[in-house]
Protein backbone atom coordinates (compact mmCIF):
# COMPACT_ATOMS: atom_id res chain seq x y z
CA MET A 1 21.84 90.75 3.37
CA SER A 2 19.73 92.60 5.76
CA SER A 3 22.19 92.77 8.83
CA ASP A 4 20.47 94.94 10.53
CA ASN A 5 17.11 93.05 10.90
CA ASN A 6 19.56 90.06 11.75
CA ILE A 7 21.32 92.11 14.71
CA SER A 8 17.59 93.55 16.16
CA ASN A 9 16.10 89.86 16.03
CA SER A 10 19.29 88.46 17.82
CA ASN A 11 19.11 92.01 20.64
CA ALA A 12 15.54 90.35 20.90
CA ALA A 13 16.91 86.76 21.39
CA VAL A 14 19.30 87.57 24.16
CA ASP A 15 18.02 86.55 28.06
CA THR A 16 17.74 90.24 30.00
CA THR A 17 19.57 88.69 32.95
CA PRO A 18 22.69 90.91 33.44
CA LEU A 19 26.08 88.92 33.37
CA LEU A 20 26.84 88.35 37.55
CA GLY A 21 23.50 88.93 38.60
CA HIS A 22 23.44 85.28 39.79
CA HIS A 23 26.90 84.48 40.47
CA PHE A 24 28.98 85.24 44.29
CA PHE A 25 26.15 83.18 46.32
CA ARG A 26 23.45 86.19 45.40
CA THR A 27 23.12 86.27 48.50
CA GLY A 28 25.98 89.00 49.70
CA PRO A 29 24.41 92.07 47.99
CA ARG A 30 21.89 90.84 47.66
CA PHE A 31 20.94 94.43 46.24
CA MET A 32 23.06 94.33 43.72
CA ARG A 33 21.94 91.68 41.48
CA ARG A 34 21.80 93.87 38.15
CA PRO A 35 24.99 95.30 37.95
CA PRO A 36 25.07 97.70 34.43
CA SER A 37 25.53 95.16 31.44
CA LEU A 38 28.86 93.70 28.97
CA ARG A 39 26.67 95.32 26.33
CA GLY A 40 26.42 98.55 27.80
CA ALA A 41 29.95 98.60 28.22
CA SER A 42 30.03 97.29 24.84
CA ARG A 43 28.47 100.78 23.99
CA PHE A 44 30.79 102.76 25.63
CA ILE A 45 33.76 101.33 23.77
CA ARG A 46 31.71 102.23 21.25
CA GLN A 47 31.27 105.51 21.38
CA ALA A 48 35.16 106.20 22.61
CA SER A 49 36.48 104.80 20.02
CA SER A 50 34.49 107.05 17.56
CA ARG A 51 36.34 109.24 18.79
CA SER A 52 39.71 108.32 19.61
CA ARG A 53 39.15 106.14 16.27
CA VAL A 54 40.87 103.26 18.73
CA MET A 55 39.00 100.36 17.63
CA ARG A 56 37.76 99.97 14.06
CA GLU A 57 33.40 99.48 13.58
CA PRO A 58 33.75 96.13 13.27
CA SER A 59 36.12 95.36 15.99
CA VAL A 60 33.62 96.80 18.09
CA ARG A 61 30.98 95.29 16.75
CA VAL A 62 32.39 91.84 17.32
CA ARG A 63 33.04 92.42 20.64
CA GLU A 64 29.17 93.30 21.31
CA ALA A 65 28.42 90.25 20.10
CA ALA A 66 30.92 88.37 22.23
CA ALA A 67 29.44 90.13 25.07
CA GLU A 68 25.54 89.01 24.30
CA GLN A 69 27.42 85.56 24.00
CA ILE A 70 28.33 85.64 27.51
CA GLU A 71 25.22 86.92 29.06
CA GLU A 72 23.47 84.29 26.81
CA ARG A 73 25.14 81.63 28.91
CA GLN A 74 25.73 83.10 32.18
CA SER A 75 21.93 82.16 33.01
CA ASP A 76 22.49 78.55 32.67
CA TRP A 77 26.03 78.84 34.50
CA ALA A 78 24.35 80.33 37.43
CA TYR A 79 21.47 78.07 37.46
CA SER A 80 23.76 75.59 37.01
CA LYS A 81 23.56 72.44 39.96
CA PRO A 82 27.02 73.29 41.97
CA ILE A 83 26.71 76.38 41.91
CA VAL A 84 22.58 76.43 43.33
CA ILE A 85 24.05 74.16 45.99
CA LEU A 86 26.53 76.52 46.71
CA ASP A 87 23.78 79.25 47.10
CA LEU A 88 21.37 77.30 49.16
CA PHE A 89 23.52 76.48 51.73
CA TRP A 90 25.25 79.99 51.90
CA ASN A 91 21.94 81.25 52.85
CA LEU A 92 21.21 78.72 54.91
CA ALA A 93 24.24 79.63 56.84
CA PHE A 94 23.38 83.24 57.03
CA VAL A 95 19.78 82.48 58.70
CA ILE A 96 21.43 79.41 60.94
CA VAL A 97 23.86 81.99 62.09
CA SER A 98 21.54 84.56 62.97
CA ILE A 99 19.29 82.56 64.63
CA ALA A 100 22.00 81.22 66.74
CA VAL A 101 23.04 84.55 68.08
CA MET A 102 19.92 85.88 68.77
CA ILE A 103 19.23 83.36 70.92
CA MET A 104 22.78 83.73 72.09
CA SER A 105 21.48 87.73 72.80
CA ARG A 106 17.80 87.29 74.18
CA ASN A 107 18.82 89.06 76.97
CA GLU A 108 20.37 92.03 75.49
CA SER A 109 18.86 94.90 74.96
CA PRO A 110 19.82 97.38 72.15
CA SER A 111 18.92 100.95 71.66
CA MET A 112 18.27 100.67 68.37
CA PRO A 113 15.94 97.92 66.43
CA LEU A 114 18.46 95.36 65.84
CA ARG A 115 16.32 92.01 65.65
CA LEU A 116 13.84 93.50 63.26
CA TRP A 117 16.33 94.09 60.85
CA ILE A 118 18.34 90.32 61.32
CA LEU A 119 14.99 89.08 61.11
CA GLY A 120 14.23 90.46 57.54
CA TYR A 121 17.50 89.90 56.46
CA ASP A 122 16.46 86.26 56.83
CA LEU A 123 13.25 86.41 55.55
CA GLN A 124 14.74 87.78 52.23
CA CYS A 125 17.37 85.15 52.66
CA VAL A 126 14.70 82.33 52.24
CA PHE A 127 12.36 83.79 50.02
CA HIS A 128 15.75 83.93 47.67
CA MET A 129 16.43 80.18 48.47
CA ALA A 130 12.63 79.86 47.50
CA CYS A 131 12.78 81.81 44.35
CA VAL A 132 15.89 80.14 43.54
CA TRP A 133 15.22 76.64 43.98
CA MET A 134 11.60 76.70 42.09
CA GLU A 135 13.78 78.69 39.09
CA TYR A 136 16.09 75.43 39.03
CA LYS A 137 13.11 72.83 38.92
CA LYS A 138 11.96 74.77 36.12
CA ARG A 139 15.36 74.43 34.08
CA TYR A 140 15.66 70.90 35.32
CA SER A 141 12.43 69.28 33.78
CA GLN A 142 13.02 72.08 30.78
CA ARG A 143 17.00 70.71 30.35
CA ASP A 144 15.37 66.91 29.20
CA LEU A 145 13.11 68.55 26.56
CA GLU A 146 15.78 70.95 25.60
CA GLY A 147 18.04 68.89 25.17
CA SER A 148 16.12 66.39 23.09
CA SER A 149 14.46 69.21 20.72
CA ARG A 150 18.05 70.10 20.08
CA GLY A 151 18.76 66.59 18.43
CA SER A 152 15.84 66.51 15.98
CA VAL A 153 16.72 69.88 15.38
CA ARG A 154 19.99 68.93 14.08
CA TYR A 155 19.17 65.79 12.56
CA SER A 156 16.31 67.32 10.31
CA ARG A 157 19.16 69.60 10.04
CA ASN A 158 21.64 67.14 8.40
CA TYR A 159 18.76 65.00 6.91
CA SER A 160 15.56 66.61 6.22
CA ASN A 161 14.72 67.22 2.63
CA SER A 162 11.69 69.60 4.19
CA SER A 163 11.38 72.90 2.02
CA SER A 164 12.30 76.67 3.11
CA GLY A 165 8.22 76.89 3.98
CA SER A 166 8.08 73.86 6.66
CA ASP A 167 11.49 75.63 8.34
CA GLU A 168 9.61 78.95 8.46
CA VAL A 169 6.97 77.01 10.37
CA GLU A 170 9.14 75.29 13.02
CA SER A 171 10.80 78.67 13.32
CA GLY A 172 7.54 80.07 14.64
CA ASP A 173 6.76 76.75 16.76
CA TYR A 174 10.85 77.30 18.13
CA ALA A 175 9.49 81.18 18.73
CA SER A 176 6.34 80.84 20.79
CA GLU A 177 7.75 77.95 23.25
CA ASP A 178 10.32 80.51 23.40
CA HIS A 179 7.38 83.86 24.06
CA GLN A 180 5.70 81.29 26.59
CA ASN A 181 8.96 80.23 28.02
CA ASP A 182 8.92 83.99 29.12
CA ASP A 183 5.80 84.36 30.36
CA GLU A 184 6.49 81.45 32.85
CA THR A 185 9.70 82.77 34.12
CA SER A 186 8.26 86.96 34.45
CA VAL A 187 6.71 86.43 37.32
CA ALA A 188 9.98 84.90 39.02
CA LYS A 189 12.09 87.68 38.24
CA HIS A 190 9.72 90.42 39.24
CA LEU A 191 9.71 89.66 42.84
CA GLU A 192 13.25 89.01 42.43
CA SER A 193 13.44 92.34 41.00
CA ALA A 194 11.20 93.65 44.15
CA ASN A 195 13.05 91.48 46.53
CA THR A 196 16.16 93.07 45.17
CA MET A 197 15.32 95.89 45.12
CA PHE A 198 13.45 96.00 49.18
CA SER A 199 17.10 94.53 50.04
CA PHE A 200 19.02 97.70 48.51
CA ILE A 201 16.25 99.91 51.27
CA TRP A 202 16.65 96.89 53.89
CA TRP A 203 20.43 97.59 53.61
CA ILE A 204 20.20 101.55 53.81
CA ILE A 205 18.19 101.34 57.05
CA GLY A 206 20.15 98.57 58.85
CA PHE A 207 23.32 101.13 58.09
CA TYR A 208 21.57 104.00 59.70
CA TRP A 209 20.62 101.79 63.02
CA VAL A 210 24.11 100.86 63.13
CA THR A 211 25.69 104.07 62.72
CA ALA A 212 22.90 105.80 65.28
CA GLY A 213 23.57 103.39 67.75
CA GLY A 214 26.81 104.14 68.17
CA GLN A 215 29.33 103.21 70.83
CA SER A 216 25.90 102.24 72.94
CA LEU A 217 25.11 99.55 70.76
CA THR A 218 29.12 97.56 71.77
CA HIS A 219 27.81 97.61 74.88
CA ASP A 220 24.38 97.07 75.57
CA SER A 221 23.96 94.39 72.70
CA PRO A 222 27.29 93.20 71.28
CA GLN A 223 26.23 90.06 69.82
CA LEU A 224 23.69 91.94 67.48
CA TYR A 225 25.71 94.18 66.97
CA TRP A 226 28.52 92.80 64.96
CA LEU A 227 26.40 90.45 64.11
CA CYS A 228 24.76 93.47 61.98
CA ILE A 229 27.97 94.62 60.75
CA THR A 230 29.21 91.65 59.72
CA PHE A 231 25.94 91.08 57.45
CA LEU A 232 26.52 94.75 56.39
CA ALA A 233 30.54 94.09 55.90
CA PHE A 234 29.39 91.15 53.73
CA ASP A 235 27.49 92.61 51.41
CA VAL A 236 30.13 95.50 50.52
CA PHE A 237 32.90 92.40 50.00
CA PHE A 238 30.36 91.63 47.40
CA VAL A 239 29.76 94.66 45.71
CA VAL A 240 33.60 95.29 45.46
CA ILE A 241 33.74 91.60 44.20
CA CYS A 242 30.93 92.08 41.41
CA ILE A 243 32.59 95.46 40.14
CA ALA A 244 36.05 93.92 40.11
CA VAL A 245 35.09 90.86 38.10
CA ALA A 246 32.22 92.61 35.73
CA CYS A 247 35.54 95.13 35.56
CA VAL A 248 37.22 92.40 34.26
CA ILE A 249 35.50 90.67 31.94
CA GLY A 250 34.70 93.71 29.85
CA ILE A 251 38.36 94.55 29.93
CA ALA A 252 39.06 90.85 28.63
CA VAL A 253 36.33 91.70 26.18
CA CYS A 254 37.75 94.25 24.78
CA CYS A 255 41.08 94.10 24.62
CA CYS A 256 41.99 89.66 24.77
CA LEU A 257 38.51 88.45 23.10
CA PRO A 258 40.36 85.38 21.45
CA CYS A 259 41.34 84.29 25.62
CA ILE A 260 37.85 84.48 26.44
CA ILE A 261 36.70 82.96 23.39
CA ALA A 262 39.12 80.43 23.86
CA ILE A 263 37.52 80.05 27.28
CA LEU A 264 33.80 79.46 26.12
CA TYR A 265 34.58 76.50 23.77
CA ALA A 266 36.67 74.73 26.27
CA VAL A 267 34.40 74.56 28.87
CA ALA A 268 30.70 75.32 27.31
CA ASP A 269 28.43 72.79 25.63
CA GLN A 270 28.24 72.31 21.79
CA GLU A 271 25.20 74.61 20.74
CA GLY A 272 26.36 76.20 17.47
CA ALA A 273 27.77 74.16 14.42
CA THR A 274 29.42 70.99 14.03
CA LYS A 275 32.56 70.65 13.19
CA ASP A 276 31.21 69.48 9.51
CA ASP A 277 29.73 72.61 9.38
CA ILE A 278 32.66 74.26 10.01
CA GLU A 279 34.52 72.14 7.57
CA ARG A 280 31.75 72.90 4.69
CA LEU A 281 33.04 76.85 4.73
CA PRO A 282 35.37 77.73 2.02
CA LYS A 283 39.05 78.48 3.86
CA TYR A 284 41.84 80.56 1.96
CA LYS A 285 45.49 81.34 1.79
CA PHE A 286 46.28 84.96 2.56
CA ARG A 287 48.77 86.86 0.38
CA ARG A 288 50.41 90.44 1.14
CA PHE A 289 50.91 92.40 -2.04
CA GLY A 290 54.69 93.67 -2.44
CA ASP A 291 55.84 96.46 -3.23
CA PHE A 292 56.76 94.92 -7.15
CA ASP A 293 53.12 94.30 -7.53
CA LYS A 294 52.30 97.88 -6.41
CA GLN A 295 55.06 99.31 -8.84
CA SER A 296 53.08 96.60 -11.82
CA GLY A 297 50.55 99.30 -11.71
CA GLU A 298 47.83 96.61 -12.09
CA ILE A 299 47.09 96.35 -8.20
CA GLN A 300 46.28 99.79 -6.70
CA GLU A 301 48.15 101.35 -3.46
CA SER A 302 44.39 101.08 -1.84
CA PHE A 303 44.39 97.24 -2.12
CA GLY A 304 46.22 95.37 1.00
CA GLY A 305 46.46 91.37 -0.13
CA ILE A 306 44.36 89.07 -1.69
CA MET A 307 42.69 85.49 -0.67
CA THR A 308 43.04 82.30 -2.86
CA GLU A 309 40.71 79.51 -1.92
CA CYS A 310 41.72 76.54 -0.35
CA ASP A 311 41.73 72.48 -1.61
CA THR A 312 40.42 72.91 -4.61
CA ASP A 313 40.66 72.26 -8.25
CA SER A 314 39.44 75.98 -9.47
CA PRO A 315 40.45 78.47 -6.71
CA VAL A 316 38.81 81.88 -6.28
CA GLU A 317 40.74 84.25 -5.69
CA HIS A 318 39.16 87.92 -3.62
CA VAL A 319 41.18 91.15 -3.19
CA LEU A 320 41.38 92.63 -0.05
CA PRO A 321 41.18 96.24 0.62
CA LEU A 322 43.69 98.06 2.80
CA GLU A 323 41.22 98.32 5.90
CA ASN A 324 39.90 94.47 5.87
CA VAL A 325 43.07 93.10 6.09
CA GLU A 326 43.08 92.66 9.96
CA CYS A 327 40.95 90.05 11.54
CA CYS A 328 38.54 91.57 13.50
CA ILE A 329 38.11 88.68 16.10
CA CYS A 330 42.08 89.02 17.80
CA LEU A 331 42.68 92.43 16.08
CA CYS A 332 45.53 91.15 14.89
CA ALA A 333 46.70 91.95 10.49
CA TYR A 334 46.48 89.12 8.11
CA ASP A 335 49.78 88.18 7.64
CA ASP A 336 51.57 86.11 4.60
CA GLY A 337 50.19 82.45 4.43
CA ASN A 338 47.38 82.59 6.97
CA GLU A 339 44.50 80.19 6.49
CA LEU A 340 41.41 82.58 6.48
CA ARG A 341 37.82 81.66 7.09
CA GLU A 342 35.08 82.92 4.85
CA LEU A 343 31.32 82.82 5.35
CA PRO A 344 28.63 82.81 3.82
CA CYS A 345 27.78 86.88 4.41
CA ARG A 346 31.33 87.21 2.65
CA HIS A 347 32.93 88.13 6.19
CA HIS A 348 36.69 86.87 6.57
CA PHE A 349 38.25 86.00 10.19
CA HIS A 350 41.51 83.57 11.11
CA SER A 351 39.88 80.19 10.60
CA ALA A 352 41.18 79.62 14.41
CA CYS A 353 39.08 82.00 15.72
CA ILE A 354 36.26 82.03 13.65
CA ASP A 355 36.41 78.01 14.04
CA LYS A 356 36.09 78.36 18.15
CA TRP A 357 32.96 81.20 17.76
CA LEU A 358 30.95 79.00 15.49
CA TYR A 359 31.33 75.94 17.31
CA MET A 360 29.74 77.92 20.43
CA ASN A 361 27.01 80.21 18.27
CA PRO A 362 26.50 79.37 14.22
CA THR A 363 25.87 82.64 13.74
CA CYS A 364 28.82 85.51 12.36
CA PRO A 365 29.67 88.04 14.79
CA LEU A 366 29.50 91.18 12.68
CA CYS A 367 26.12 90.70 11.03
CA LYS A 368 24.43 87.45 12.71
CA PHE A 369 24.03 85.06 9.75
CA ASP A 370 22.85 82.16 10.78
CA ILE A 371 25.15 79.77 8.58
CA LEU A 372 23.05 76.41 9.47
CA LYS A 373 20.24 77.73 7.79
CA TYR A 374 22.39 79.14 4.19
CA GLY A 375 23.64 74.89 4.71
CA ASN A 376 19.99 73.87 5.19
CA GLN A 377 18.52 75.98 2.03
CA GLY A 378 22.14 75.31 0.09
CA GLY A 379 20.99 71.44 0.56
CA ASN A 380 17.37 71.69 -0.32
CA GLU A 381 18.30 73.86 -3.22
CA GLU A 382 20.73 70.58 -4.45
CA VAL A 383 17.92 68.36 -4.20
């Protein structure tokens, strides 16, 4: 099993946009649209775990896969219709308020070019709204096409008798389409990156002008002064919110992954395996070795339990080493009577944990093995 190749291919397909990049209305901290991704936090957890042995390597890999899963979905959530509408109205409100204040303060004479800074701030908002609207329209036009193609792929997975060679051709076609979509969105991403960098520099300039003007601005141009203070304060507020939410999500992924999977399972569209696909995977009952089994001499101390296949006349049994008798998703040890699900790659988890994961993502969270491709190959071999 080439787990390393699967992992590298999966990483190549992950959207490079950050987890919180387009949440929080995008206008407060416009220069903070690219916070550190959760994959960076996962690598930090991996390094810390290697020193302190807090988590075993498989558990860390599962959490890295969960972080990638969240990052893949955040882009679709960020460009959903409610978020886009809220984003546009939020930016438009900033522009309208700033224009109204500049009209009311036309007689003010600030010692610093505050009007220039407010005008630059408004131009960034307008530019950002244009980028968001164009990206939303492009995604909206592609959504129906993607839905129809996903339905045809699922139909071919269930009923097609084609060979594996044709599957490779189809996968090549999808790869070329994905590459074309990446090229189309690269220009918009570069423009947003340039706007982000300019926003950061413009915020520093505005902060300098406000602080350099001092108390004289409050007397000469109070309305312009407090408008600039409000915009700067909103930026700082959203920065704090973004960092706090990123920390909470990162901690939840590391310490409470089943809750994250349950939330994604409840709110996300089905893009993974169907119920029938999951039910075709073998299910096992786990039994721990007792003291009698170990004292008999047949079972070594290094073995922790045995998993027996369910719902079959000739059940298959697997003896598990002591270090493999825990679920890498919930970090709980297997107890007597627990139902386990084994994937074709031979990785096993609690049935309740892995079923929700496969509903969202049909790949193994440890090695990225695709159970749907395995099902297609098995069906073709039977034919």
